[in-house]
Amino acid sequence: MSKGIIVKCPMCKTSVKRCNEYFPFCSPRCQTTDLGNWASDTYSIPDRSDAQPYDDDEGQPVIH
């Protein structure tokens, strides 16, 4: 991969090069803010316990 890739910091939307040591963040402040959001449950991964399992062969829902 090229080190010249530029993305937007997920916190402040500043342009960030891939070679930045805090990538994908622009600074330690944005990195710490993001970590704090995860630690305080501001962010969460959706609960998929209600998702139906799928049969690997045909991709159809498994009926029990």
PDB file of N, CA and C in Angstrom:
ATOM      1  N   MET A   1       0.828  -1.180   0.000  1.00  0.00           N
ATOM      2  CA  MET A   1       0.000   0.000   0.000  1.00  0.00           C
ATOM      3  C   MET A   1       0.873   1.243   0.000  1.00  0.00           C
ATOM      4  N   SER A   2       0.390   2.242  -0.625  1.00  0.00           N
ATOM      5  CA  SER A   2       1.127   3.495  -0.685  1.00  0.00           C
ATOM      6  C   SER A   2       0.991   4.266   0.621  1.00  0.00           C
ATOM      7  N   LYS A   3       2.061   4.880   1.072  1.00  0.00           N
ATOM      8  CA  LYS A   3       2.004   5.688   2.286  1.00  0.00           C
ATOM      9  C   LYS A   3       1.425   7.067   2.021  1.00  0.00           C
ATOM     10  N   GLY A   4       1.102   7.369   0.757  1.00  0.00           N
ATOM     11  CA  GLY A   4       0.563   8.663   0.409  1.00  0.00           C
ATOM     12  C   GLY A   4      -0.952   8.757   0.497  1.00  0.00           C
ATOM     13  N   ILE A   5      -1.606   7.690   0.985  1.00  0.00           N
ATOM     14  CA  ILE A   5      -3.060   7.687   1.098  1.00  0.00           C
ATOM     15  C   ILE A   5      -3.484   8.741   2.119  1.00  0.00           C
ATOM     16  N   ILE A   6      -4.497   9.507   1.759  1.00  0.00           N
ATOM     17  CA  ILE A   6      -5.004  10.545   2.648  1.00  0.00           C
ATOM     18  C   ILE A   6      -6.469  10.248   2.954  1.00  0.00           C
ATOM     19  N   VAL A   7      -6.809  10.257   4.247  1.00  0.00           N
ATOM     20  CA  VAL A   7      -8.183  10.052   4.700  1.00  0.00           C
ATOM     21  C   VAL A   7      -8.547  11.181   5.652  1.00  0.00           C
ATOM     22  N   LYS A   8      -9.800  11.239   6.032  1.00  0.00           N
ATOM     23  CA  LYS A   8     -10.254  12.236   7.004  1.00  0.00           C
ATOM     24  C   LYS A   8     -10.226  11.627   8.404  1.00  0.00           C
ATOM     25  N   CYS A   9      -9.741  12.367   9.370  1.00  0.00           N
ATOM     26  CA  CYS A   9      -9.744  11.938  10.762  1.00  0.00           C
ATOM     27  C   CYS A   9     -11.204  11.697  11.169  1.00  0.00           C
ATOM     28  N   PRO A  10     -11.512  10.537  11.767  1.00  0.00           N
ATOM     29  CA  PRO A  10     -12.901  10.255  12.133  1.00  0.00           C
ATOM     30  C   PRO A  10     -13.461  11.202  13.192  1.00  0.00           C
ATOM     31  N   MET A  11     -12.616  11.889  13.924  1.00  0.00           N
ATOM     32  CA  MET A  11     -13.095  12.780  14.974  1.00  0.00           C
ATOM     33  C   MET A  11     -13.285  14.214  14.491  1.00  0.00           C
ATOM     34  N   CYS A  12     -12.244  14.800  13.858  1.00  0.00           N
ATOM     35  CA  CYS A  12     -12.300  16.228  13.511  1.00  0.00           C
ATOM     36  C   CYS A  12     -12.345  16.495  12.008  1.00  0.00           C
ATOM     37  N   LYS A  13     -12.264  15.443  11.214  1.00  0.00           N
ATOM     38  CA  LYS A  13     -12.358  15.514   9.745  1.00  0.00           C
ATOM     39  C   LYS A  13     -11.171  16.210   9.085  1.00  0.00           C
ATOM     40  N   THR A  14     -10.047  16.361   9.785  1.00  0.00           N
ATOM     41  CA  THR A  14      -8.819  16.898   9.207  1.00  0.00           C
ATOM     42  C   THR A  14      -8.205  15.837   8.294  1.00  0.00           C
ATOM     43  N   SER A  15      -7.575  16.255   7.211  1.00  0.00           N
ATOM     44  CA  SER A  15      -6.904  15.308   6.320  1.00  0.00           C
ATOM     45  C   SER A  15      -5.705  14.685   7.030  1.00  0.00           C
ATOM     46  N   VAL A  16      -5.557  13.359   6.886  1.00  0.00           N
ATOM     47  CA  VAL A  16      -4.485  12.624   7.555  1.00  0.00           C
ATOM     48  C   VAL A  16      -3.811  11.709   6.547  1.00  0.00           C
ATOM     49  N   LYS A  17      -2.476  11.746   6.500  1.00  0.00           N
ATOM     50  CA  LYS A  17      -1.729  10.819   5.649  1.00  0.00           C
ATOM     51  C   LYS A  17      -1.550   9.494   6.377  1.00  0.00           C
ATOM     52  N   ARG A  18      -1.502   8.428   5.604  1.00  0.00           N
ATOM     53  CA  ARG A  18      -1.345   7.085   6.169  1.00  0.00           C
ATOM     54  C   ARG A  18      -0.064   6.952   6.982  1.00  0.00           C
ATOM     55  N   CYS A  19       0.951   7.703   6.667  1.00  0.00           N
ATOM     56  CA  CYS A  19       2.226   7.602   7.379  1.00  0.00           C
ATOM     57  C   CYS A  19       2.204   8.294   8.747  1.00  0.00           C
ATOM     58  N   ASN A  20       1.112   8.986   9.085  1.00  0.00           N
ATOM     59  CA  ASN A  20       0.973   9.640  10.386  1.00  0.00           C
ATOM     60  C   ASN A  20       0.963   8.572  11.482  1.00  0.00           C
ATOM     61  N   GLU A  21       1.719   8.764  12.549  1.00  0.00           N
ATOM     62  CA  GLU A  21       1.813   7.758  13.604  1.00  0.00           C
ATOM     63  C   GLU A  21       0.496   7.532  14.335  1.00  0.00           C
ATOM     64  N   TYR A  22      -0.463   8.437  14.226  1.00  0.00           N
ATOM     65  CA  TYR A  22      -1.758   8.289  14.897  1.00  0.00           C
ATOM     66  C   TYR A  22      -2.852   7.820  13.950  1.00  0.00           C
ATOM     67  N   PHE A  23      -2.485   7.481  12.720  1.00  0.00           N
ATOM     68  CA  PHE A  23      -3.433   7.066  11.690  1.00  0.00           C
ATOM     69  C   PHE A  23      -4.416   6.037  12.248  1.00  0.00           C
ATOM     70  N   PRO A  24      -5.699   6.167  12.015  1.00  0.00           N
ATOM     71  CA  PRO A  24      -6.384   7.079  11.117  1.00  0.00           C
ATOM     72  C   PRO A  24      -6.730   8.421  11.749  1.00  0.00           C
ATOM     73  N   PHE A  25      -6.239   8.649  12.965  1.00  0.00           N
ATOM     74  CA  PHE A  25      -6.496   9.927  13.626  1.00  0.00           C
ATOM     75  C   PHE A  25      -5.395  10.920  13.287  1.00  0.00           C
ATOM     76  N   CYS A  26      -5.675  12.195  13.477  1.00  0.00           N
ATOM     77  CA  CYS A  26      -4.684  13.221  13.129  1.00  0.00           C
ATOM     78  C   CYS A  26      -3.755  13.541  14.293  1.00  0.00           C
ATOM     79  N   SER A  27      -4.176  13.213  15.513  1.00  0.00           N
ATOM     80  CA  SER A  27      -3.399  13.613  16.685  1.00  0.00           C
ATOM     81  C   SER A  27      -3.712  12.688  17.863  1.00  0.00           C
ATOM     82  N   PRO A  28      -2.874  12.760  18.904  1.00  0.00           N
ATOM     83  CA  PRO A  28      -3.172  11.963  20.090  1.00  0.00           C
ATOM     84  C   PRO A  28      -4.481  12.399  20.755  1.00  0.00           C
ATOM     85  N   ARG A  29      -4.825  13.671  20.602  1.00  0.00           N
ATOM     86  CA  ARG A  29      -6.079  14.162  21.192  1.00  0.00           C
ATOM     87  C   ARG A  29      -7.287  13.463  20.561  1.00  0.00           C
ATOM     88  N   CYS A  30      -7.331  13.405  19.240  1.00  0.00           N
ATOM     89  CA  CYS A  30      -8.449  12.740  18.566  1.00  0.00           C
ATOM     90  C   CYS A  30      -8.454  11.245  18.873  1.00  0.00           C
ATOM     91  N   GLN A  31      -7.288  10.637  18.951  1.00  0.00           N
ATOM     92  CA  GLN A  31      -7.178   9.214  19.274  1.00  0.00           C
ATOM     93  C   GLN A  31      -7.731   8.946  20.679  1.00  0.00           C
ATOM     94  N   THR A  32      -7.371   9.786  21.636  1.00  0.00           N
ATOM     95  CA  THR A  32      -7.827   9.626  23.013  1.00  0.00           C
ATOM     96  C   THR A  32      -9.319   9.909  23.142  1.00  0.00           C
ATOM     97  N   THR A  33      -9.811  10.887  22.413  1.00  0.00           N
ATOM     98  CA  THR A  33     -11.244  11.190  22.429  1.00  0.00           C
ATOM     99  C   THR A  33     -12.043   9.998  21.925  1.00  0.00           C
ATOM    100  N   ASP A  34     -11.581   9.366  20.857  1.00  0.00           N
ATOM    101  CA  ASP A  34     -12.257   8.198  20.314  1.00  0.00           C
ATOM    102  C   ASP A  34     -12.240   7.051  21.323  1.00  0.00           C
ATOM    103  N   LEU A  35     -11.100   6.802  21.931  1.00  0.00           N
ATOM    104  CA  LEU A  35     -10.998   5.749  22.941  1.00  0.00           C
ATOM    105  C   LEU A  35     -11.951   6.026  24.100  1.00  0.00           C
ATOM    106  N   GLY A  36     -12.021   7.278  24.529  1.00  0.00           N
ATOM    107  CA  GLY A  36     -12.939   7.661  25.602  1.00  0.00           C
ATOM    108  C   GLY A  36     -14.395   7.410  25.228  1.00  0.00           C
ATOM    109  N   ASN A  37     -14.738   7.643  23.961  1.00  0.00           N
ATOM    110  CA  ASN A  37     -16.115   7.385  23.508  1.00  0.00           C
ATOM    111  C   ASN A  37     -16.456   5.907  23.593  1.00  0.00           C
ATOM    112  N   TRP A  38     -15.502   5.036  23.252  1.00  0.00           N
ATOM    113  CA  TRP A  38     -15.735   3.593  23.385  1.00  0.00           C
ATOM    114  C   TRP A  38     -15.840   3.216  24.864  1.00  0.00           C
ATOM    115  N   ALA A  39     -14.957   3.757  25.692  1.00  0.00           N
ATOM    116  CA  ALA A  39     -14.931   3.405  27.115  1.00  0.00           C
ATOM    117  C   ALA A  39     -16.190   3.861  27.847  1.00  0.00           C
ATOM    118  N   SER A  40     -16.784   4.967  27.399  1.00  0.00           N
ATOM    119  CA  SER A  40     -17.980   5.487  28.072  1.00  0.00           C
ATOM    120  C   SER A  40     -19.277   5.002  27.420  1.00  0.00           C
ATOM    121  N   ASP A  41     -19.166   4.041  26.504  1.00  0.00           N
ATOM    122  CA  ASP A  41     -20.324   3.472  25.800  1.00  0.00           C
ATOM    123  C   ASP A  41     -21.052   4.475  24.914  1.00  0.00           C
ATOM    124  N   THR A  42     -20.364   5.539  24.497  1.00  0.00           N
ATOM    125  CA  THR A  42     -20.948   6.447  23.508  1.00  0.00           C
ATOM    126  C   THR A  42     -21.093   5.711  22.188  1.00  0.00           C
ATOM    127  N   TYR A  43     -20.113   4.858  21.890  1.00  0.00           N
ATOM    128  CA  TYR A  43     -20.168   3.977  20.726  1.00  0.00           C
ATOM    129  C   TYR A  43     -20.514   2.577  21.218  1.00  0.00           C
ATOM    130  N   SER A  44     -21.165   1.819  20.367  1.00  0.00           N
ATOM    131  CA  SER A  44     -21.398   0.414  20.701  1.00  0.00           C
ATOM    132  C   SER A  44     -21.581  -0.380  19.417  1.00  0.00           C
ATOM    133  N   ILE A  45     -21.350  -1.647  19.521  1.00  0.00           N
ATOM    134  CA  ILE A  45     -21.559  -2.549  18.388  1.00  0.00           C
ATOM    135  C   ILE A  45     -22.963  -3.106  18.547  1.00  0.00           C
ATOM    136  N   PRO A  46     -23.797  -3.047  17.495  1.00  0.00           N
ATOM    137  CA  PRO A  46     -25.177  -3.500  17.614  1.00  0.00           C
ATOM    138  C   PRO A  46     -25.268  -4.974  18.025  1.00  0.00           C
ATOM    139  N   ASP A  47     -26.259  -5.251  18.849  1.00  0.00           N
ATOM    140  CA  ASP A  47     -26.522  -6.625  19.285  1.00  0.00           C
ATOM    141  C   ASP A  47     -27.159  -7.387  18.145  1.00  0.00           C
ATOM    142  N   ARG A  48     -26.549  -8.484  17.753  1.00  0.00           N
ATOM    143  CA  ARG A  48     -27.068  -9.288  16.645  1.00  0.00           C
ATOM    144  C   ARG A  48     -27.702 -10.586  17.149  1.00  0.00           C
ATOM    145  N   SER A  49     -28.083 -10.626  18.429  1.00  0.00           N
ATOM    146  CA  SER A  49     -28.630 -11.857  18.986  1.00  0.00           C
ATOM    147  C   SER A  49     -29.956 -12.244  18.341  1.00  0.00           C
ATOM    148  N   ASP A  50     -30.649 -11.284  17.727  1.00  0.00           N
ATOM    149  CA  ASP A  50     -31.916 -11.596  17.069  1.00  0.00           C
ATOM    150  C   ASP A  50     -31.723 -11.984  15.596  1.00  0.00           C
ATOM    151  N   ALA A  51     -30.494 -11.950  15.107  1.00  0.00           N
ATOM    152  CA  ALA A  51     -30.228 -12.300  13.716  1.00  0.00           C
ATOM    153  C   ALA A  51     -30.416 -13.795  13.511  1.00  0.00           C
ATOM    154  N   GLN A  52     -30.991 -14.157  12.385  1.00  0.00           N
ATOM    155  CA  GLN A  52     -31.199 -15.567  12.086  1.00  0.00           C
ATOM    156  C   GLN A  52     -29.920 -16.189  11.537  1.00  0.00           C
ATOM    157  N   PRO A  53     -29.615 -17.409  11.978  1.00  0.00           N
ATOM    158  CA  PRO A  53     -28.451 -18.099  11.389  1.00  0.00           C
ATOM    159  C   PRO A  53     -28.758 -18.513   9.951  1.00  0.00           C
ATOM    160  N   TYR A  54     -27.734 -18.576   9.134  1.00  0.00           N
ATOM    161  CA  TYR A  54     -27.904 -18.944   7.728  1.00  0.00           C
ATOM    162  C   TYR A  54     -27.228 -20.272   7.441  1.00  0.00           C
ATOM    163  N   ASP A  55     -27.843 -21.037   6.568  1.00  0.00           N
ATOM    164  CA  ASP A  55     -27.277 -22.295   6.107  1.00  0.00           C
ATOM    165  C   ASP A  55     -26.135 -21.975   5.152  1.00  0.00           C
ATOM    166  N   ASP A  56     -24.960 -22.547   5.350  1.00  0.00           N
ATOM    167  CA  ASP A  56     -23.794 -22.251   4.524  1.00  0.00           C
ATOM    168  C   ASP A  56     -23.958 -22.663   3.065  1.00  0.00           C
ATOM    169  N   ASP A  57     -24.723 -23.709   2.804  1.00  0.00           N
ATOM    170  CA  ASP A  57     -24.833 -24.230   1.446  1.00  0.00           C
ATOM    171  C   ASP A  57     -25.635 -23.336   0.516  1.00  0.00           C
ATOM    172  N   GLU A  58     -26.773 -22.846   0.959  1.00  0.00           N
ATOM    173  CA  GLU A  58     -27.649 -22.105   0.067  1.00  0.00           C
ATOM    174  C   GLU A  58     -27.875 -20.663   0.491  1.00  0.00           C
ATOM    175  N   GLY A  59     -27.380 -20.274   1.638  1.00  0.00           N
ATOM    176  CA  GLY A  59     -27.577 -18.913   2.085  1.00  0.00           C
ATOM    177  C   GLY A  59     -28.988 -18.587   2.526  1.00  0.00           C
ATOM    178  N   GLN A  60     -29.788 -19.602   2.811  1.00  0.00           N
ATOM    179  CA  GLN A  60     -31.161 -19.399   3.234  1.00  0.00           C
ATOM    180  C   GLN A  60     -31.253 -19.500   4.757  1.00  0.00           C
ATOM    181  N   PRO A  61     -32.208 -18.767   5.368  1.00  0.00           N
ATOM    182  CA  PRO A  61     -32.363 -18.861   6.821  1.00  0.00           C
ATOM    183  C   PRO A  61     -32.658 -20.293   7.260  1.00  0.00           C
ATOM    184  N   VAL A  62     -32.100 -20.682   8.402  1.00  0.00           N
ATOM    185  CA  VAL A  62     -32.332 -22.000   8.949  1.00  0.00           C
ATOM    186  C   VAL A  62     -33.620 -21.941   9.767  1.00  0.00           C
ATOM    187  N   ILE A  63     -34.550 -22.804   9.490  1.00  0.00           N
ATOM    188  CA  ILE A  63     -35.822 -22.882  10.216  1.00  0.00           C
ATOM    189  C   ILE A  63     -35.708 -24.013  11.245  1.00  0.00           C
ATOM    190  N   HIS A  64     -35.983 -23.685  12.509  1.00  0.00           N
ATOM    191  CA  HIS A  64     -35.900 -24.713  13.567  1.00  0.00           C
ATOM    192  C   HIS A  64     -37.268 -25.151  13.955  1.00  0.00           C
TER     193      HIS A  64
END
